[in-house]
Amino acid sequence: MKSSAQRRLPLQAARDAYRTLLGWALGILIEQGAVTECEHHGHRRDRSDPDAWNRACEEARLSPFPGTTSEASMAAISEVMTSIGETCPDCD
């Protein structure tokens, strides 16, 4: 009879936290406090915090998304930020 350790299924390889560059960029913006979520509807909102924006850009420059350059990662941060408004569209 096999022990419980031998009966366990093999572990699956862990997936990366982010699958896409834009998903990674949104995560960086949230971590740095540049973007928040509407507590009622869940839409992302720009906090208009220049310090948080600078921290997110610095993070993208120093630790780019795996497989990309610093420039591509910083461009993704900018692309995500331009797609987010300052107000929730459902709250208006």
Protein backbone atom coordinates (compact mmCIF):
# COMPACT_ATOMS: atom_id res chain seq x y z
CA MET A 1 0.00 0.00 0.00
CA LYS A 2 1.27 3.47 -0.92
CA SER A 3 1.79 6.12 1.71
CA SER A 4 -0.24 9.33 1.57
CA ALA A 5 2.78 11.19 0.15
CA GLN A 6 3.02 8.71 -2.71
CA ARG A 7 -0.71 8.94 -3.49
CA ARG A 8 -0.67 12.71 -3.95
CA LEU A 9 -1.00 14.08 -7.42
CA PRO A 10 2.02 15.90 -8.82
CA LEU A 11 1.90 19.65 -8.28
CA GLN A 12 1.11 21.80 -11.25
CA ALA A 13 3.58 24.48 -12.19
CA ALA A 14 2.57 27.85 -10.79
CA ARG A 15 1.32 30.36 -13.36
CA ASP A 16 2.68 33.85 -13.59
CA ALA A 17 0.73 36.42 -11.61
CA TYR A 18 -0.02 38.39 -14.79
CA ARG A 19 -0.63 36.94 -18.23
CA THR A 20 -0.58 40.17 -20.25
CA LEU A 21 1.45 43.34 -20.28
CA LEU A 22 -1.65 45.51 -19.78
CA GLY A 23 -2.79 43.37 -16.83
CA TRP A 24 0.64 43.78 -15.30
CA ALA A 25 0.51 47.54 -15.87
CA LEU A 26 -2.88 47.81 -14.15
CA GLY A 27 -1.51 45.81 -11.21
CA ILE A 28 1.45 48.17 -10.87
CA LEU A 29 -0.85 51.20 -10.96
CA ILE A 30 -3.07 49.69 -8.26
CA GLU A 31 -0.09 48.70 -6.08
CA GLN A 32 1.37 52.21 -6.29
CA GLY A 33 -1.97 53.88 -5.49
CA ALA A 34 -2.40 55.64 -8.83
CA VAL A 35 -5.69 53.83 -9.49
CA THR A 36 -8.54 52.95 -7.14
CA GLU A 37 -11.77 51.03 -7.54
CA CYS A 38 -15.28 52.46 -7.22
CA GLU A 39 -16.67 50.89 -4.06
CA HIS A 40 -20.17 50.68 -5.58
CA HIS A 41 -19.56 49.51 -9.15
CA GLY A 42 -15.97 48.22 -9.33
CA HIS A 43 -14.80 50.53 -12.13
CA ARG A 44 -11.21 51.73 -11.98
CA ARG A 45 -10.62 55.42 -11.27
CA ASP A 46 -7.57 57.63 -11.69
CA ARG A 47 -6.62 59.18 -8.34
CA SER A 48 -4.76 62.07 -10.02
CA ASP A 49 -1.81 61.52 -7.71
CA PRO A 50 1.43 62.54 -9.47
CA ASP A 51 3.60 60.84 -6.83
CA ALA A 52 1.82 57.51 -7.34
CA TRP A 53 2.13 57.94 -11.11
CA ASN A 54 5.88 58.56 -10.76
CA ARG A 55 6.29 55.51 -8.50
CA ALA A 56 4.46 53.33 -11.06
CA CYS A 57 6.65 54.62 -13.90
CA GLU A 58 9.79 54.03 -11.84
CA GLU A 59 8.64 50.49 -11.03
CA ALA A 60 8.06 49.82 -14.74
CA ARG A 61 11.49 51.19 -15.60
CA LEU A 62 13.35 49.20 -12.94
CA SER A 63 11.34 45.94 -13.11
CA PRO A 64 9.73 45.61 -16.56
CA PHE A 65 7.20 42.93 -17.41
CA PRO A 66 9.06 39.67 -18.16
CA GLY A 67 10.05 39.47 -21.81
CA THR A 68 9.65 43.18 -22.53
CA THR A 69 11.82 46.26 -22.35
CA SER A 70 11.56 49.10 -19.86
CA GLU A 71 10.22 51.34 -22.62
CA ALA A 72 7.45 48.88 -23.53
CA SER A 73 6.48 48.49 -19.88
CA MET A 74 6.36 52.25 -19.34
CA ALA A 75 4.28 52.64 -22.51
CA ALA A 76 1.83 50.05 -21.16
CA ILE A 77 1.52 52.04 -17.91
CA SER A 78 0.69 55.15 -19.96
CA GLU A 79 -1.79 53.26 -22.15
CA VAL A 80 -3.68 51.90 -19.15
CA MET A 81 -3.76 55.30 -17.45
CA THR A 82 -5.18 57.02 -20.53
CA SER A 83 -7.98 54.45 -20.64
CA ILE A 84 -9.05 55.17 -17.04
CA GLY A 85 -11.16 58.18 -16.10
CA GLU A 86 -11.31 60.15 -12.89
CA THR A 87 -14.95 59.27 -12.18
CA CYS A 88 -16.98 56.09 -12.25
CA PRO A 89 -19.24 56.02 -15.32
CA ASP A 90 -22.07 54.42 -13.34
CA CYS A 91 -21.97 56.92 -10.48
CA ASP A 92 -22.71 59.90 -12.76
